[in-house]
Amino acid sequence: MAGRFADKSVIITGAGSGLGQATAQRLASDGAGLVLVDMNAEGLDATKKLILDTAPEAKVELVTADVTKEEDVKKYVDTAVSTFGAIDGFFNNAGIEGKQNLTEDFGIEEFSKVVAVNLTGVFLGMQAVLKQMHEQGHGSIVNTASVGGIRGVGNQSGYAASKHGVVGLTRNSAREYGQFGVNINAIAPGAIMTAMVENSLRQLDPENPEEAGKQFVSVNPMKRFGKPEEVAGLVSFLLSEDAGFINGTVVPVDGGQHAMY
């Protein structure tokens, strides 16, 4: 299949919805062979259908997995290697928001749950994929952080802590693995209209989520929500050979929100 990712393989976690789903569609259209990972098997099936509707020749493997479990991570890495022979790209994207609350009321169970998915899951994915990329001598990783990983957001202790941790992991590993032909970067999405953000708006104002949405985008200069496809375009670039000398960078995708702080 012709395209920027012809004869390349990419793993995407959190591929059953949102940014993962949009990126899977974009990479498939660019010729990538895909291993799509999510806990939600129905979401994965929906993503595969979307891909095959427009790119029927695309090679797509589905792995239902919990990114917080080492054995599940090994399963999706082994699937990629056995299917494609190598892992050229990894969009380490699975994440959850968790409940919104003041830190004193957040709760250790909720904190631990969010950190397990957003940080431990990212670490386990990097650990397993980097071993393979080190051995093969090439590869690109894009981790999903957040504007909540580069500044305070309020009422999201677990989310902010975990996403700041993703930024730290990204920069640390970029220093370690650049010498092995592997580049590692992160994206920091802001207000992107996904199911996660819709849930956040309902938490902020259950009676009037539309008004909460207006307030949500008021902090970015473009005064609108971003589209998952706009994030997918950036991820596609960062995973491609065109971005081969970009390493250890965190790229905001927030309509300029980061420039206001």
Protein backbone atom coordinates (compact mmCIF):
# COMPACT_ATOMS: atom_id res chain seq x y z
CA MET A 1 0.00 0.00 0.00
CA ALA A 2 1.50 3.33 -1.05
CA GLY A 3 1.92 6.23 1.34
CA ARG A 4 4.19 7.78 3.94
CA PHE A 5 3.99 4.60 6.05
CA ALA A 6 4.16 2.00 3.30
CA ASP A 7 5.75 -1.17 4.70
CA LYS A 8 5.75 0.36 8.20
CA SER A 9 4.01 -0.96 11.29
CA VAL A 10 2.50 1.08 14.11
CA ILE A 11 0.95 0.14 17.45
CA ILE A 12 -1.81 2.42 18.76
CA THR A 13 -3.19 2.08 22.29
CA GLY A 14 -6.55 3.58 23.13
CA ALA A 15 -7.50 2.92 19.52
CA GLY A 16 -11.18 2.26 20.18
CA SER A 17 -12.19 5.91 20.31
CA GLY A 18 -11.05 9.52 20.26
CA LEU A 19 -7.49 10.39 19.31
CA GLY A 20 -6.49 6.75 18.89
CA GLN A 21 -9.32 6.06 16.47
CA ALA A 22 -8.67 9.19 14.41
CA THR A 23 -4.95 8.45 14.26
CA ALA A 24 -5.58 4.85 13.22
CA GLN A 25 -7.65 6.10 10.29
CA ARG A 26 -4.98 8.62 9.30
CA LEU A 27 -2.09 6.14 9.48
CA ALA A 28 -4.03 3.48 7.58
CA SER A 29 -4.69 6.01 4.82
CA ASP A 30 -0.92 6.65 4.79
CA GLY A 31 -0.22 2.95 4.27
CA ALA A 32 0.66 1.74 7.78
CA GLY A 33 0.09 -1.77 9.04
CA LEU A 34 -1.62 -1.41 12.40
CA VAL A 35 -1.91 -3.16 15.72
CA LEU A 36 -4.84 -1.51 17.49
CA VAL A 37 -5.14 -1.90 21.25
CA ASP A 38 -7.99 -1.10 23.64
CA MET A 39 -9.92 -2.60 26.53
CA ASN A 40 -13.12 -2.02 24.57
CA ALA A 41 -13.43 -4.75 21.94
CA GLU A 42 -16.51 -3.10 20.40
CA GLY A 43 -14.59 0.15 20.02
CA LEU A 44 -11.77 -1.68 18.27
CA ASP A 45 -14.21 -3.36 15.89
CA ALA A 46 -15.72 0.06 15.11
CA THR A 47 -12.29 1.53 14.38
CA LYS A 48 -11.37 -1.36 12.10
CA LYS A 49 -14.65 -0.96 10.20
CA LEU A 50 -13.99 2.76 9.71
CA ILE A 51 -10.54 1.96 8.35
CA LEU A 52 -11.63 -0.79 6.00
CA ASP A 53 -14.50 1.30 4.66
CA THR A 54 -11.96 3.71 3.17
CA ALA A 55 -8.83 1.56 2.93
CA PRO A 56 -10.02 -2.01 2.34
CA GLU A 57 -6.47 -3.26 1.67
CA ALA A 58 -5.20 -2.07 5.07
CA LYS A 59 -3.61 -4.64 7.38
CA VAL A 60 -5.19 -4.26 10.84
CA GLU A 61 -4.71 -6.49 13.89
CA LEU A 62 -6.86 -5.99 16.99
CA VAL A 63 -5.71 -6.75 20.53
CA THR A 64 -8.06 -6.35 23.47
CA ALA A 65 -5.77 -5.47 26.35
CA ASP A 66 -5.40 -3.65 29.65
CA VAL A 67 -2.36 -1.40 29.33
CA THR A 68 -1.74 -1.58 33.09
CA LYS A 69 -0.98 -5.32 32.93
CA GLU A 70 2.46 -6.49 31.82
CA GLU A 71 1.12 -9.68 30.26
CA ASP A 72 -1.33 -7.68 28.13
CA VAL A 73 1.39 -5.28 27.03
CA LYS A 74 3.58 -8.24 26.05
CA LYS A 75 0.64 -9.60 24.06
CA TYR A 76 0.25 -6.51 21.89
CA VAL A 77 4.00 -6.14 21.37
CA ASP A 78 4.35 -9.81 20.43
CA THR A 79 1.42 -9.47 18.03
CA ALA A 80 3.11 -6.57 16.26
CA VAL A 81 6.45 -8.35 15.93
CA SER A 82 4.97 -11.67 14.81
CA THR A 83 2.68 -9.96 12.29
CA PHE A 84 5.00 -7.32 10.83
CA GLY A 85 8.50 -8.36 11.91
CA ALA A 86 9.25 -5.00 13.54
CA ILE A 87 7.66 -2.04 15.31
CA ASP A 88 8.32 1.14 13.38
CA GLY A 89 6.01 3.41 15.36
CA PHE A 90 4.15 3.46 18.67
CA PHE A 91 1.35 5.88 19.56
CA ASN A 92 1.28 5.36 23.33
CA ASN A 93 -2.09 6.96 23.79
CA ALA A 94 -4.42 5.07 26.15
CA GLY A 95 -5.64 7.24 29.00
CA ILE A 96 -8.53 8.23 31.23
CA GLU A 97 -9.52 11.49 32.87
CA GLY A 98 -10.97 10.35 36.17
CA LYS A 99 -13.29 12.34 38.40
CA GLN A 100 -12.93 16.05 39.03
CA ASN A 101 -12.47 17.13 42.62
CA LEU A 102 -10.32 19.19 44.94
CA THR A 103 -7.13 17.41 45.93
CA GLU A 104 -8.29 16.95 49.51
CA ASP A 105 -11.42 15.18 48.25
CA PHE A 106 -9.92 13.31 45.32
CA GLY A 107 -9.53 9.91 46.97
CA ILE A 108 -6.62 7.50 46.80
CA GLU A 109 -8.54 4.85 44.84
CA GLU A 110 -9.38 7.31 42.07
CA PHE A 111 -5.85 8.73 42.10
CA SER A 112 -4.31 5.28 41.83
CA LYS A 113 -6.67 4.26 39.03
CA VAL A 114 -5.86 7.30 36.89
CA VAL A 115 -2.11 7.04 37.48
CA ALA A 116 -2.18 3.31 36.69
CA VAL A 117 -3.62 3.87 33.21
CA ASN A 118 -2.08 7.21 32.27
CA LEU A 119 1.41 6.77 33.67
CA THR A 120 2.10 3.14 34.52
CA GLY A 121 0.42 2.05 31.28
CA VAL A 122 2.58 4.47 29.30
CA PHE A 123 5.71 3.26 31.10
CA LEU A 124 4.94 -0.43 30.51
CA GLY A 125 4.28 0.24 26.83
CA MET A 126 7.51 2.18 26.44
CA GLN A 127 9.50 -0.44 28.33
CA ALA A 128 8.35 -3.28 26.06
CA VAL A 129 8.42 -1.37 22.77
CA LEU A 130 11.79 0.27 23.46
CA LYS A 131 13.38 -3.14 23.98
CA GLN A 132 12.23 -4.13 20.49
CA MET A 133 13.20 -0.80 18.92
CA HIS A 134 16.63 -0.92 20.58
CA GLU A 135 17.24 -4.36 19.11
CA GLN A 136 16.08 -3.41 15.61
CA GLY A 137 17.95 -0.07 15.67
CA HIS A 138 15.11 2.26 14.75
CA GLY A 139 11.66 3.47 15.73
CA SER A 140 9.52 6.41 16.77
CA ILE A 141 7.31 6.82 19.82
CA VAL A 142 4.65 9.45 20.49
CA ASN A 143 3.23 9.57 24.00
CA THR A 144 -0.03 11.33 24.79
CA ALA A 145 0.44 13.89 27.54
CA SER A 146 -1.90 16.89 27.86
CA VAL A 147 -2.00 20.60 28.54
CA GLY A 148 -2.57 19.18 32.03
CA GLY A 149 0.95 17.77 31.77
CA ILE A 150 2.62 21.13 31.16
CA ARG A 151 0.64 23.34 33.57
CA GLY A 152 -1.87 23.13 36.40
CA VAL A 153 -5.50 22.62 35.43
CA GLY A 154 -7.32 22.34 38.77
CA ASN A 155 -9.60 19.65 40.19
CA GLN A 156 -7.68 16.86 38.45
CA SER A 157 -4.92 15.73 40.79
CA GLY A 158 -4.57 12.26 39.30
CA TYR A 159 -4.78 13.41 35.70
CA ALA A 160 -2.32 16.29 36.13
CA ALA A 161 0.16 14.19 38.09
CA SER A 162 0.04 11.35 35.58
CA LYS A 163 0.37 13.58 32.52
CA HIS A 164 3.28 15.50 34.05
CA GLY A 165 4.81 12.07 34.59
CA VAL A 166 4.35 11.23 30.90
CA VAL A 167 6.31 14.38 30.01
CA GLY A 168 9.11 13.29 32.35
CA LEU A 169 9.21 9.77 30.93
CA THR A 170 9.30 11.16 27.41
CA ARG A 171 12.24 13.48 28.04
CA ASN A 172 14.17 10.95 30.09
CA SER A 173 13.84 8.14 27.54
CA ALA A 174 14.55 10.47 24.62
CA ARG A 175 17.97 11.13 26.16
CA GLU A 176 18.57 7.42 26.60
CA TYR A 177 17.48 6.08 23.22
CA GLY A 178 18.42 8.71 20.66
CA GLN A 179 21.79 6.99 20.33
CA PHE A 180 20.00 3.81 19.25
CA GLY A 181 18.11 5.40 16.36
CA VAL A 182 14.89 5.88 18.32
CA ASN A 183 13.15 9.23 18.76
CA ILE A 184 10.55 9.81 21.47
CA ASN A 185 8.19 12.77 21.69
CA ALA A 186 4.90 13.67 23.33
CA ILE A 187 1.84 15.63 22.36
CA ALA A 188 -0.05 17.87 24.78
CA PRO A 189 -3.64 18.14 23.53
CA GLY A 190 -5.93 20.81 24.93
CA ALA A 191 -9.65 21.04 24.29
CA ILE A 192 -10.11 18.36 21.63
CA MET A 193 -13.71 17.24 21.14
CA THR A 194 -13.63 13.58 22.13
CA ALA A 195 -15.84 11.41 24.31
CA MET A 196 -13.45 12.06 27.21
CA VAL A 197 -13.90 15.81 26.89
CA GLU A 198 -17.67 15.44 26.55
CA ASN A 199 -17.65 13.53 29.84
CA SER A 200 -15.55 16.27 31.41
CA LEU A 201 -18.10 18.89 30.37
CA ARG A 202 -20.91 16.85 31.90
CA GLN A 203 -18.92 16.68 35.14
CA LEU A 204 -18.42 20.45 35.11
CA ASP A 205 -22.09 21.24 34.45
CA PRO A 206 -24.49 18.28 34.27
CA GLU A 207 -27.42 20.58 33.55
CA ASN A 208 -25.79 22.64 30.81
CA PRO A 209 -22.68 20.99 29.31
CA GLU A 210 -22.90 23.30 26.29
CA GLU A 211 -22.25 26.33 28.52
CA ALA A 212 -19.40 24.46 30.18
CA GLY A 213 -18.00 23.90 26.70
CA LYS A 214 -18.00 27.62 25.98
CA GLN A 215 -16.03 28.23 29.17
CA PHE A 216 -13.72 25.34 28.34
CA VAL A 217 -12.61 26.85 25.02
CA SER A 218 -12.55 30.44 26.29
CA VAL A 219 -8.98 29.89 27.54
CA ASN A 220 -7.56 29.26 24.06
CA PRO A 221 -7.04 32.04 21.51
CA MET A 222 -8.93 30.17 18.78
CA LYS A 223 -12.08 29.94 20.93
CA ARG A 224 -13.04 26.52 19.62
CA PHE A 225 -12.55 22.84 20.24
CA GLY A 226 -9.89 21.05 18.27
CA LYS A 227 -10.75 18.05 16.12
CA PRO A 228 -9.28 14.56 16.65
CA GLU A 229 -8.19 14.65 13.00
CA GLU A 230 -6.03 17.70 13.75
CA VAL A 231 -4.18 15.74 16.41
CA ALA A 232 -3.90 12.70 14.13
CA GLY A 233 -2.08 14.78 11.55
CA LEU A 234 0.54 15.80 14.09
CA VAL A 235 1.01 12.25 15.35
CA SER A 236 1.43 11.00 11.80
CA PHE A 237 4.17 13.56 11.21
CA LEU A 238 5.99 12.81 14.50
CA LEU A 239 5.97 9.07 13.78
CA SER A 240 7.26 9.57 10.24
CA GLU A 241 10.80 9.80 8.93
CA ASP A 242 10.17 13.51 8.30
CA ALA A 243 10.43 14.01 12.07
CA GLY A 244 13.50 11.83 12.51
CA PHE A 245 15.59 14.55 14.20
CA ILE A 246 12.82 15.71 16.55
CA ASN A 247 13.43 14.10 19.92
CA GLY A 248 12.41 14.77 23.52
CA THR A 249 9.88 17.42 22.50
CA VAL A 250 6.40 18.02 23.92
CA VAL A 251 4.15 19.59 21.29
CA PRO A 252 1.01 21.42 22.46
CA VAL A 253 -2.12 20.96 20.33
CA ASP A 254 -4.36 23.46 22.09
CA GLY A 255 -5.19 26.40 19.85
CA GLY A 256 -2.52 28.47 21.58
CA GLN A 257 -3.72 27.94 25.15
CA HIS A 258 -0.20 27.23 26.38
CA ALA A 259 0.94 30.65 25.09
CA MET A 260 -1.37 32.39 27.57
CA TYR A 261 0.38 30.98 30.64
